[in-house]
Amino acid sequence: MKTKIFYIVMLLVSVVGFSQTTAIPDANFEAFLEANGMGDGIPNNHLVTTANIVGVTTLSIDNLGIADLTGIEDFDALQTLYARNNVITTIAFSASQNITYIWLSNNNITSVPGLQFQSNATIISLSDNPINSTLLDLTQNVNLVFLSIDSATLTSLNVRQNIALTSLTAINNNLTFLDLSFNPVLTGIEVFSNDPELCIQVTDPAAAYAGTGIYANWIKDPTATYSLNCFPCEGNLLVNGNFNAATCGGNWAFNNNCVPNWIATDHSPSIDNFPANPNAWMWSYNGIGESIAANFNFIVSTPYTISFRIRTDDMNTGCSIVANAATVNLVATNNAGVVTATPNGDVIFNGSMASYLNNWQTVSVSFIPSINFSQLWVFPFMQLNDGTCQAEMNIDDICIMEGILGVEDYKTSSIFLYPNPTKDFTTITINTDALYTLLSINGQILQQGNLSNGDNEINLSNLSSGLYFVTIKTDTDSLTKKIIKK
């Protein structure tokens, strides 16, 4: 008797082992698999034999009217998927798969929850799908080389982690901001037919406008802009700290009142890269130099946080030792004079030019004035002189905020809200989970909701034009930001 029972159990195990199936709910998907030797031999039963699909490396199912790709997760060896021109609404890959090429254009996909599993994917095409920006996560696709996501109704797109990306097309979306400053080998983009105020954040705006280097094959709308910083400091107390209000470029710009609220205090400082990326340009040479000043009332004993972007140049061959010994200076003063080694006022910042050679860098400092001051003075100064060398400095995005940036402020400074002002949608980017509350200027609660780590799209289309406030609360912090609805 024991022998017979053992024989029956083994027989059942054997039968089960050889009859493992995968559910395929979509009739068109199942019909294709049955017709191509990947079924179980029984049409219309919504099942296929798993053993027939686990070894498939390429699956071409374009133009079949497929709506549901359930079962795709059992294609363990799948490397290339063509599923274009169907009516697919969602797709969920499994963590065990290792797909390299994914072509899903022209479907009805709103989310791709399993896409982040495919860390080895190098080509992804999701064009012509009504994708929800907040449900598209590409952060784990670190090997992604090609991304096509045209006509996908996107309002935001995060490719900061896709550092291998070489080609991006995001035509005919609603993008207002696109950060491409983390993509050093991105040599081809097409992002036209987006929001006319699209700002593209890059590492070299001048080269991007000139179409040189990696930017040679970048295509955007004429009204879209390139910037090192698409979101300069919010609540800047300094008027025109980013010099975007400049009405002319070249030498004498500050002397000719081409930069509102700024004056030349010595010689003829210029606006560089006008009009593509306006920034202040000054030099120091053989004990003389250029400087600029803006009216700003520093209040005694009041703490301020001052940030700015800075770049310096050694333009004369053989002068690097002399030029790099020059200093960058920001001074609070009541009487800005000529460029000098001993400025008249409180020194806000003094740093070696060699620290900022040829590359834009952001500097942030704290400052508490010893007395009341009425001006901010900016200048370079040559500490060493040989009669021929020249030190040059570019400065931009000068931001003055009241208060010292402490530990808690650094936590909330990782919260970004853009675009602002906005027409219909804004995105809150945050590095943790949080709650948000949208308030009118009278304190009335208009919206509330949850925020998750990453990009969160907020719909403001039903609001009237005007000023609103959004409060963001994490487990340890609370932050309120102003938002303007156009």
Protein backbone atom coordinates (compact mmCIF):
# COMPACT_ATOMS: atom_id res chain seq x y z
CA MET A 1 0.00 0.00 0.00
CA LYS A 2 2.77 2.45 0.87
CA THR A 3 4.38 1.84 -2.50
CA LYS A 4 1.17 2.62 -4.37
CA ILE A 5 0.57 5.85 -2.44
CA PHE A 6 4.14 6.98 -3.14
CA TYR A 7 3.68 6.21 -6.84
CA ILE A 8 0.44 8.22 -7.02
CA VAL A 9 2.02 11.25 -5.26
CA MET A 10 5.02 11.22 -7.60
CA LEU A 11 2.71 10.95 -10.60
CA LEU A 12 0.71 13.98 -9.43
CA VAL A 13 3.88 16.01 -8.86
CA SER A 14 5.09 15.05 -12.32
CA VAL A 15 1.81 16.06 -13.95
CA VAL A 16 1.72 19.38 -12.10
CA GLY A 17 5.37 20.09 -12.96
CA PHE A 18 4.81 19.57 -16.66
CA SER A 19 1.50 21.44 -16.87
CA GLN A 20 2.47 24.79 -15.31
CA THR A 21 0.60 27.55 -17.10
CA THR A 22 0.56 31.33 -17.30
CA ALA A 23 -2.69 33.29 -17.37
CA ILE A 24 -3.15 35.50 -20.45
CA PRO A 25 -6.46 37.39 -19.96
CA ASP A 26 -6.25 39.33 -23.24
CA ALA A 27 -7.79 37.31 -26.09
CA ASN A 28 -5.66 38.94 -28.80
CA PHE A 29 -2.44 38.38 -26.85
CA GLU A 30 -3.34 34.73 -26.25
CA ALA A 31 -4.31 34.21 -29.91
CA PHE A 32 -0.90 35.49 -31.03
CA LEU A 33 0.93 33.21 -28.62
CA GLU A 34 -1.15 30.18 -29.67
CA ALA A 35 -0.55 30.93 -33.36
CA ASN A 36 3.20 31.21 -32.84
CA GLY A 37 3.91 28.06 -30.85
CA MET A 38 3.87 29.69 -27.41
CA GLY A 39 0.41 28.55 -26.27
CA ASP A 40 -0.92 25.40 -24.65
CA GLY A 41 -2.74 24.11 -27.72
CA ILE A 42 -6.16 25.15 -26.41
CA PRO A 43 -7.43 28.36 -28.06
CA ASN A 44 -9.47 30.89 -26.06
CA ASN A 45 -8.83 29.37 -22.62
CA HIS A 46 -6.68 32.40 -21.57
CA LEU A 47 -3.76 30.16 -20.66
CA VAL A 48 -0.40 29.32 -22.21
CA THR A 49 2.21 26.79 -21.19
CA THR A 50 4.85 28.63 -19.16
CA ALA A 51 7.65 26.46 -20.52
CA ASN A 52 6.87 27.78 -24.02
CA ILE A 53 7.47 31.43 -23.09
CA VAL A 54 10.25 31.47 -20.46
CA GLY A 55 12.99 31.20 -23.09
CA VAL A 56 11.63 33.81 -25.54
CA THR A 57 14.16 36.64 -26.03
CA THR A 58 12.31 38.81 -28.58
CA LEU A 59 8.55 39.40 -28.68
CA SER A 60 6.97 41.38 -31.54
CA ILE A 61 3.28 42.09 -30.93
CA ASP A 62 2.68 45.39 -32.76
CA ASN A 63 -0.75 46.28 -34.20
CA LEU A 64 -2.74 43.45 -32.59
CA GLY A 65 -5.35 45.38 -30.59
CA ILE A 66 -3.92 44.09 -27.31
CA ALA A 67 -5.25 45.87 -24.22
CA ASP A 68 -3.75 43.80 -21.40
CA LEU A 69 -0.21 42.43 -21.22
CA THR A 70 -0.75 40.41 -18.06
CA GLY A 71 1.48 37.36 -18.35
CA ILE A 72 4.45 39.28 -19.75
CA GLU A 73 6.13 38.92 -16.35
CA ASP A 74 6.67 35.18 -17.01
CA PHE A 75 8.81 35.84 -20.11
CA ASP A 76 11.94 35.41 -18.00
CA ALA A 77 14.50 35.61 -20.85
CA LEU A 78 12.83 38.50 -22.68
CA GLN A 79 15.32 41.10 -23.91
CA THR A 80 13.40 42.97 -26.63
CA LEU A 81 9.70 43.88 -26.59
CA TYR A 82 7.84 45.48 -29.50
CA ALA A 83 4.24 46.24 -28.48
CA ARG A 84 3.50 49.38 -30.49
CA ASN A 85 0.15 50.58 -31.80
CA ASN A 86 -2.06 48.63 -29.43
CA VAL A 87 -4.50 49.76 -26.70
CA ILE A 88 -2.45 48.70 -23.68
CA THR A 89 -3.32 50.63 -20.51
CA THR A 90 -0.63 49.38 -18.11
CA ILE A 91 2.31 47.02 -18.01
CA ALA A 92 4.03 45.41 -15.05
CA PHE A 93 7.42 43.80 -15.56
CA SER A 94 8.89 41.61 -12.86
CA ALA A 95 12.12 42.10 -10.94
CA SER A 96 13.46 38.82 -12.36
CA GLN A 97 13.34 40.08 -15.95
CA ASN A 98 16.22 41.77 -17.72
CA ILE A 99 14.73 43.56 -20.72
CA THR A 100 17.06 45.77 -22.77
CA TYR A 101 14.79 47.23 -25.48
CA ILE A 102 11.22 48.34 -24.67
CA TRP A 103 9.01 49.75 -27.46
CA LEU A 104 5.51 50.72 -26.26
CA SER A 105 4.62 53.76 -28.35
CA ASN A 106 1.03 54.59 -29.34
CA ASN A 107 -0.93 52.84 -26.61
CA ASN A 108 -3.14 54.03 -23.73
CA ILE A 109 -0.54 53.61 -20.99
CA THR A 110 -0.92 55.90 -17.98
CA SER A 111 1.64 54.21 -15.70
CA VAL A 112 4.48 51.73 -15.96
CA PRO A 113 4.87 50.43 -12.39
CA GLY A 114 7.40 47.76 -13.27
CA LEU A 115 9.61 49.90 -15.47
CA GLN A 116 11.99 50.71 -12.61
CA PHE A 117 12.85 47.00 -12.32
CA GLN A 118 14.49 47.08 -15.73
CA SER A 119 17.78 48.64 -14.63
CA ASN A 120 19.59 47.27 -17.71
CA ALA A 121 17.13 48.77 -20.21
CA THR A 122 19.04 50.89 -22.71
CA ILE A 123 16.18 51.86 -25.06
CA ILE A 124 12.68 52.86 -23.91
CA SER A 125 9.99 54.28 -26.20
CA LEU A 126 6.76 55.46 -24.56
CA SER A 127 5.62 58.08 -27.07
CA ASP A 128 1.94 58.71 -27.75
CA ASN A 129 0.70 57.50 -24.38
CA PRO A 130 -1.30 59.58 -21.84
CA ILE A 131 1.28 59.00 -19.11
CA ASN A 132 0.80 60.53 -15.68
CA SER A 133 4.06 62.33 -14.84
CA THR A 134 3.91 61.27 -11.21
CA LEU A 135 3.56 57.58 -12.16
CA LEU A 136 6.65 57.49 -14.41
CA ASP A 137 9.74 56.44 -12.46
CA LEU A 138 13.01 56.19 -14.41
CA THR A 139 15.33 56.67 -11.45
CA GLN A 140 16.51 53.04 -11.42
CA ASN A 141 17.14 52.88 -15.17
CA VAL A 142 20.77 53.93 -14.81
CA ASN A 143 21.84 52.30 -18.10
CA LEU A 144 19.22 54.09 -20.19
CA VAL A 145 20.73 55.44 -23.43
CA PHE A 146 17.67 56.32 -25.53
CA LEU A 147 14.32 57.66 -24.29
CA SER A 148 11.42 58.61 -26.55
CA ILE A 149 8.37 60.03 -24.80
CA ASP A 150 6.69 62.33 -27.34
CA SER A 151 3.02 63.34 -27.09
CA ALA A 152 2.67 61.87 -23.62
CA THR A 153 0.93 64.80 -21.85
CA LEU A 154 3.91 65.15 -19.48
CA THR A 155 4.16 68.18 -17.22
CA SER A 156 7.42 67.01 -15.62
CA LEU A 157 10.20 64.56 -16.44
CA ASN A 158 13.04 63.46 -14.16
CA VAL A 159 16.13 62.07 -15.94
CA ARG A 160 18.69 63.21 -13.35
CA GLN A 161 19.70 59.62 -12.52
CA ASN A 162 19.99 58.59 -16.19
CA ILE A 163 23.60 59.70 -16.58
CA ALA A 164 24.24 57.37 -19.57
CA LEU A 165 21.46 58.98 -21.61
CA THR A 166 22.62 60.05 -25.10
CA SER A 167 19.29 60.69 -26.86
CA LEU A 168 16.02 62.17 -25.57
CA THR A 169 12.87 63.13 -27.45
CA ALA A 170 10.00 64.69 -25.50
CA ILE A 171 8.15 66.54 -28.26
CA ASN A 172 4.59 67.83 -27.85
CA ASN A 173 4.23 67.68 -24.08
CA ASN A 174 3.51 70.31 -21.41
CA LEU A 175 6.97 70.56 -19.89
CA THR A 176 7.85 73.83 -18.16
CA PHE A 177 11.13 72.64 -16.60
CA LEU A 178 13.67 70.02 -17.63
CA ASP A 179 16.90 69.42 -15.71
CA LEU A 180 19.57 68.05 -18.07
CA SER A 181 22.54 69.19 -15.99
CA PHE A 182 23.18 65.62 -14.78
CA ASN A 183 23.44 64.12 -18.29
CA PRO A 184 27.04 64.67 -19.48
CA VAL A 185 26.81 62.53 -22.66
CA LEU A 186 23.37 63.66 -23.84
CA THR A 187 24.24 64.67 -27.40
CA GLY A 188 20.78 64.73 -28.95
CA ILE A 189 17.48 66.11 -27.67
CA GLU A 190 14.21 67.20 -29.27
CA VAL A 191 11.91 69.02 -26.85
CA PHE A 192 9.98 71.40 -29.09
CA SER A 193 6.20 71.90 -28.89
CA ASN A 194 6.22 72.12 -25.10
CA ASP A 195 5.25 75.04 -22.85
CA PRO A 196 6.63 78.20 -24.52
CA GLU A 197 8.26 79.14 -21.18
CA LEU A 198 10.14 75.84 -20.86
CA CYS A 199 13.41 76.30 -18.94
CA ILE A 200 16.13 73.72 -19.60
CA GLN A 201 18.75 73.52 -16.87
CA VAL A 202 22.23 72.80 -18.25
CA THR A 203 25.87 73.08 -17.16
CA ASP A 204 26.88 75.52 -19.92
CA PRO A 205 24.07 77.79 -21.20
CA ALA A 206 26.41 79.74 -23.49
CA ALA A 207 27.46 76.56 -25.32
CA ALA A 208 23.84 75.39 -25.43
CA TYR A 209 22.71 78.62 -27.10
CA ALA A 210 25.68 78.47 -29.48
CA GLY A 211 24.94 74.84 -30.35
CA THR A 212 28.49 73.68 -29.66
CA GLY A 213 29.89 70.59 -27.96
CA ILE A 214 27.25 68.14 -26.74
CA TYR A 215 24.57 70.74 -27.56
CA ALA A 216 25.19 70.66 -31.34
CA ASN A 217 22.10 68.52 -31.99
CA TRP A 218 19.75 69.92 -29.35
CA ILE A 219 16.40 71.17 -30.68
CA LYS A 220 13.93 73.23 -28.64
CA ASP A 221 11.27 75.90 -29.16
CA PRO A 222 12.67 79.39 -29.88
CA THR A 223 11.00 80.72 -26.72
CA ALA A 224 12.44 78.00 -24.46
CA THR A 225 15.50 79.03 -22.45
CA TYR A 226 18.70 77.46 -21.19
CA SER A 227 19.86 78.26 -17.67
CA LEU A 228 22.32 77.14 -15.04
CA ASN A 229 19.59 77.64 -12.49
CA CYS A 230 15.96 77.66 -13.59
CA PHE A 231 14.82 78.42 -10.05
CA PRO A 232 16.87 81.22 -8.51
CA CYS A 233 16.28 81.89 -4.84
CA GLU A 234 12.69 82.41 -3.77
CA GLY A 235 12.01 85.64 -1.90
CA ASN A 236 15.25 87.38 -2.93
CA LEU A 237 15.55 90.72 -1.10
CA LEU A 238 17.96 92.00 -3.76
CA VAL A 239 16.40 93.46 -6.90
CA ASN A 240 17.72 91.95 -10.16
CA GLY A 241 20.31 89.72 -8.54
CA ASN A 242 20.31 87.46 -11.58
CA PHE A 243 20.88 90.27 -14.13
CA ASN A 244 18.09 88.98 -16.38
CA ALA A 245 16.67 92.50 -16.52
CA ALA A 246 19.72 93.74 -18.44
CA THR A 247 18.67 95.67 -21.54
CA CYS A 248 22.07 95.71 -23.25
CA GLY A 249 25.32 93.77 -23.24
CA GLY A 250 29.03 94.32 -23.57
CA ASN A 251 31.21 97.03 -22.02
CA TRP A 252 29.78 100.04 -20.18
CA ALA A 253 26.53 98.20 -19.42
CA PHE A 254 26.53 99.32 -15.80
CA ASN A 255 27.74 102.83 -16.67
CA ASN A 256 24.90 103.25 -19.16
CA ASN A 257 22.16 102.24 -16.72
CA CYS A 258 21.40 99.09 -18.71
CA VAL A 259 21.08 97.04 -15.53
CA PRO A 260 18.32 98.42 -13.28
CA ASN A 261 19.30 99.07 -9.65
CA TRP A 262 23.01 98.46 -10.32
CA ILE A 263 25.77 101.01 -10.91
CA ALA A 264 29.43 100.91 -11.91
CA THR A 265 31.60 102.07 -9.03
CA ASP A 266 34.87 101.83 -10.95
CA HIS A 267 35.69 101.64 -14.66
CA SER A 268 33.30 99.86 -17.08
CA PRO A 269 32.00 96.46 -15.92
CA SER A 270 30.13 94.50 -18.57
CA ILE A 271 27.21 92.19 -19.15
CA ASP A 272 28.59 88.94 -20.56
CA ASN A 273 26.86 86.43 -22.85
CA PHE A 274 24.03 88.85 -23.58
CA PRO A 275 21.24 88.04 -24.29
CA ALA A 276 21.55 84.26 -23.92
CA ASN A 277 22.72 84.11 -20.32
CA PRO A 278 23.28 87.58 -18.83
CA ASN A 279 25.82 87.76 -16.01
CA ALA A 280 28.11 90.45 -14.64
CA TRP A 281 31.70 90.47 -15.93
CA MET A 282 34.53 92.36 -14.20
CA TRP A 283 38.31 92.41 -14.28
CA SER A 284 41.28 93.49 -12.20
CA TYR A 285 44.60 94.45 -13.74
CA ASN A 286 47.83 95.84 -12.30
CA GLY A 287 46.25 97.26 -9.15
CA ILE A 288 43.12 98.62 -10.83
CA GLY A 289 39.88 97.01 -11.83
CA GLU A 290 36.11 97.10 -12.21
CA SER A 291 33.37 96.87 -9.61
CA ILE A 292 29.59 97.10 -9.32
CA ALA A 293 27.25 98.08 -6.49
CA ALA A 294 23.54 97.72 -5.76
CA ASN A 295 21.45 99.63 -3.26
CA PHE A 296 20.62 97.35 -0.38
CA ASN A 297 19.89 98.23 3.24
CA PHE A 298 21.73 95.85 5.54
CA ILE A 299 20.35 96.28 9.08
CA VAL A 300 22.79 96.10 11.96
CA SER A 301 22.89 92.75 13.84
CA THR A 302 20.35 91.21 11.43
CA PRO A 303 21.41 87.77 10.14
CA TYR A 304 21.44 87.23 6.36
CA THR A 305 22.15 84.30 4.07
CA ILE A 306 23.81 85.39 0.83
CA SER A 307 24.35 83.06 -2.10
CA PHE A 308 25.69 83.59 -5.61
CA ARG A 309 27.16 81.76 -8.58
CA ILE A 310 30.74 82.55 -9.48
CA ARG A 311 33.24 81.72 -12.22
CA THR A 312 36.74 83.09 -12.76
CA ASP A 313 39.11 83.01 -15.73
CA ASP A 314 42.83 83.12 -16.37
CA MET A 315 42.62 84.68 -19.83
CA ASN A 316 46.28 85.56 -20.36
CA THR A 317 48.75 82.78 -21.17
CA GLY A 318 51.43 82.45 -18.52
CA CYS A 319 49.51 84.45 -15.92
CA SER A 320 47.88 81.66 -13.97
CA ILE A 321 49.99 82.09 -10.84
CA VAL A 322 49.23 85.80 -10.70
CA ALA A 323 45.59 85.62 -11.80
CA ASN A 324 44.72 82.73 -9.52
CA ALA A 325 46.09 84.66 -6.55
CA ALA A 326 43.41 87.31 -7.14
CA THR A 327 40.38 87.40 -4.86
CA VAL A 328 36.61 87.57 -5.24
CA ASN A 329 35.05 90.10 -2.88
CA LEU A 330 31.54 90.97 -1.68
CA VAL A 331 31.36 93.88 0.73
CA ALA A 332 28.59 95.67 2.63
CA THR A 333 29.43 99.38 2.45
CA ASN A 334 28.16 102.95 2.66
CA ASN A 335 30.85 104.30 0.35
CA ALA A 336 31.90 101.92 -2.40
CA GLY A 337 35.13 103.25 -3.86
CA VAL A 338 37.72 102.04 -6.30
CA VAL A 339 38.90 98.43 -6.28
CA THR A 340 41.25 98.06 -3.33
CA ALA A 341 42.76 95.40 -1.10
CA THR A 342 41.21 97.08 1.97
CA PRO A 343 37.50 97.57 1.23
CA ASN A 344 35.51 100.24 3.05
CA GLY A 345 32.90 98.26 4.99
CA ASP A 346 32.15 94.75 6.27
CA VAL A 347 33.54 91.93 4.14
CA ILE A 348 30.74 89.47 3.35
CA PHE A 349 32.93 87.13 1.30
CA ASN A 350 36.58 87.01 0.27
CA GLY A 351 37.87 84.01 -1.65
CA SER A 352 40.68 83.00 -3.98
CA MET A 353 39.84 83.11 -7.69
CA ALA A 354 41.68 79.81 -8.13
CA SER A 355 38.84 78.06 -6.31
CA TYR A 356 36.34 78.94 -9.07
CA LEU A 357 38.50 78.68 -12.18
CA ASN A 358 36.59 78.13 -15.45
CA ASN A 359 33.55 76.47 -13.86
CA TRP A 360 30.42 77.98 -12.38
CA GLN A 361 30.03 77.19 -8.69
CA THR A 362 27.44 78.22 -6.11
CA VAL A 363 28.63 79.86 -2.89
CA SER A 364 26.46 80.41 0.19
CA VAL A 365 27.60 82.42 3.24
CA SER A 366 26.10 83.83 6.42
CA PHE A 367 26.55 87.50 7.28
CA ILE A 368 25.65 89.74 10.25
CA PRO A 369 26.46 93.45 9.61
CA SER A 370 28.27 95.39 12.32
CA ILE A 371 26.40 98.63 11.46
CA ASN A 372 23.70 99.69 9.00
CA PHE A 373 24.92 99.61 5.40
CA SER A 374 23.27 100.92 2.24
CA GLN A 375 25.09 99.07 -0.56
CA LEU A 376 26.36 95.70 -1.72
CA TRP A 377 29.72 96.06 -3.50
CA VAL A 378 31.16 93.33 -5.77
CA PHE A 379 34.69 93.34 -7.20
CA PRO A 380 37.77 91.23 -8.06
CA PHE A 381 41.23 92.28 -6.85
CA MET A 382 44.72 91.30 -8.02
CA GLN A 383 46.82 90.46 -4.97
CA LEU A 384 49.93 90.08 -7.15
CA ASN A 385 50.73 92.24 -10.18
CA ASP A 386 53.32 92.02 -12.91
CA GLY A 387 51.97 94.77 -15.14
CA THR A 388 50.49 92.45 -17.78
CA CYS A 389 48.26 89.84 -16.14
CA GLN A 390 44.52 90.17 -15.79
CA ALA A 391 42.02 88.37 -13.56
CA GLU A 392 38.42 88.07 -14.75
CA MET A 393 35.28 87.24 -12.81
CA ASN A 394 31.70 86.37 -13.76
CA ILE A 395 28.99 86.56 -11.11
CA ASP A 396 25.25 85.88 -11.29
CA ASP A 397 22.18 84.89 -9.28
CA ILE A 398 23.10 86.93 -6.22
CA CYS A 399 20.51 86.16 -3.57
CA ILE A 400 20.05 87.83 -0.19
CA MET A 401 17.65 86.28 2.30
CA GLU A 402 17.02 87.29 5.88
CA GLY A 403 18.00 84.64 8.43
CA ILE A 404 20.82 82.16 8.81
CA LEU A 405 20.48 78.89 6.92
CA GLY A 406 20.63 76.26 9.67
CA VAL A 407 20.28 72.50 9.80
CA GLU A 408 16.49 72.52 9.53
CA ASP A 409 16.66 75.00 6.64
CA TYR A 410 19.01 72.70 4.76
CA LYS A 411 16.40 69.94 5.08
CA THR A 412 13.65 72.11 3.62
CA SER A 413 15.96 73.58 0.97
CA SER A 414 15.72 70.18 -0.76
CA ILE A 415 12.05 70.92 -1.48
CA PHE A 416 11.46 72.46 -4.91
CA LEU A 417 8.23 73.89 -6.32
CA TYR A 418 8.07 74.61 -10.05
CA PRO A 419 7.01 76.20 -12.29
CA ASN A 420 6.21 79.28 -10.26
CA PRO A 421 4.37 81.32 -11.52
CA THR A 422 2.31 78.64 -13.25
CA LYS A 423 -0.73 78.32 -15.49
CA ASP A 424 -2.41 75.03 -14.58
CA PHE A 425 0.00 72.63 -12.88
CA THR A 426 2.92 72.85 -10.48
CA THR A 427 5.32 70.14 -9.36
CA ILE A 428 6.64 69.67 -5.83
CA THR A 429 9.90 67.73 -5.73
CA ILE A 430 10.82 66.39 -2.31
CA ASN A 431 13.18 63.74 -0.93
CA THR A 432 10.78 62.27 1.63
CA ASP A 433 7.08 61.66 2.21
CA ALA A 434 5.06 64.69 3.30
CA LEU A 435 1.64 66.35 3.45
CA TYR A 436 0.72 69.52 1.57
CA THR A 437 -2.01 72.09 2.14
CA LEU A 438 -2.92 74.75 -0.43
CA LEU A 439 -4.27 77.96 1.10
CA SER A 440 -5.82 81.15 -0.22
CA ILE A 441 -4.38 84.50 0.89
CA ASN A 442 -7.21 84.56 3.46
CA GLY A 443 -6.13 81.24 4.96
CA GLN A 444 -8.92 79.16 3.39
CA ILE A 445 -7.91 75.53 2.75
CA LEU A 446 -8.34 74.80 -0.96
CA GLN A 447 -6.52 71.49 -1.39
CA GLN A 448 -4.80 68.90 0.79
CA GLY A 449 -2.96 65.74 -0.08
CA ASN A 450 0.01 63.43 0.31
CA LEU A 451 3.44 63.93 -1.25
CA SER A 452 5.80 61.04 -1.94
CA ASN A 453 9.55 60.95 -2.47
CA GLY A 454 10.19 62.39 -5.94
CA ASP A 455 8.07 64.58 -8.24
CA ASN A 456 4.46 65.32 -7.26
CA GLU A 457 2.16 67.12 -9.70
CA ILE A 458 -0.46 69.48 -8.23
CA ASN A 459 -3.44 70.56 -10.37
CA LEU A 460 -4.26 74.27 -10.02
CA SER A 461 -6.36 74.61 -13.17
CA ASN A 462 -9.58 75.23 -11.24
CA LEU A 463 -8.14 78.20 -9.33
CA SER A 464 -8.45 81.85 -10.28
CA SER A 465 -5.34 83.87 -11.07
CA GLY A 466 -3.64 85.25 -7.98
CA LEU A 467 -1.39 84.54 -5.00
CA TYR A 468 -1.66 81.33 -2.95
CA PHE A 469 0.34 79.56 -0.26
CA VAL A 470 1.32 75.91 -0.04
CA THR A 471 2.40 74.43 3.30
CA ILE A 472 4.53 71.28 3.19
CA LYS A 473 4.94 69.20 6.34
CA THR A 474 7.36 66.31 6.84
CA ASP A 475 7.96 64.32 10.02
CA THR A 476 10.48 66.92 11.22
CA ASP A 477 9.85 70.12 9.24
CA SER A 478 7.21 72.53 8.03
CA LEU A 479 7.70 74.91 5.10
CA THR A 480 5.39 77.46 3.49
CA LYS A 481 5.98 78.70 -0.05
CA LYS A 482 4.20 81.30 -2.13
CA ILE A 483 2.79 80.26 -5.48
CA ILE A 484 1.40 82.50 -8.20
CA LYS A 485 -1.35 81.24 -10.52
CA LYS A 486 -1.31 83.04 -13.88
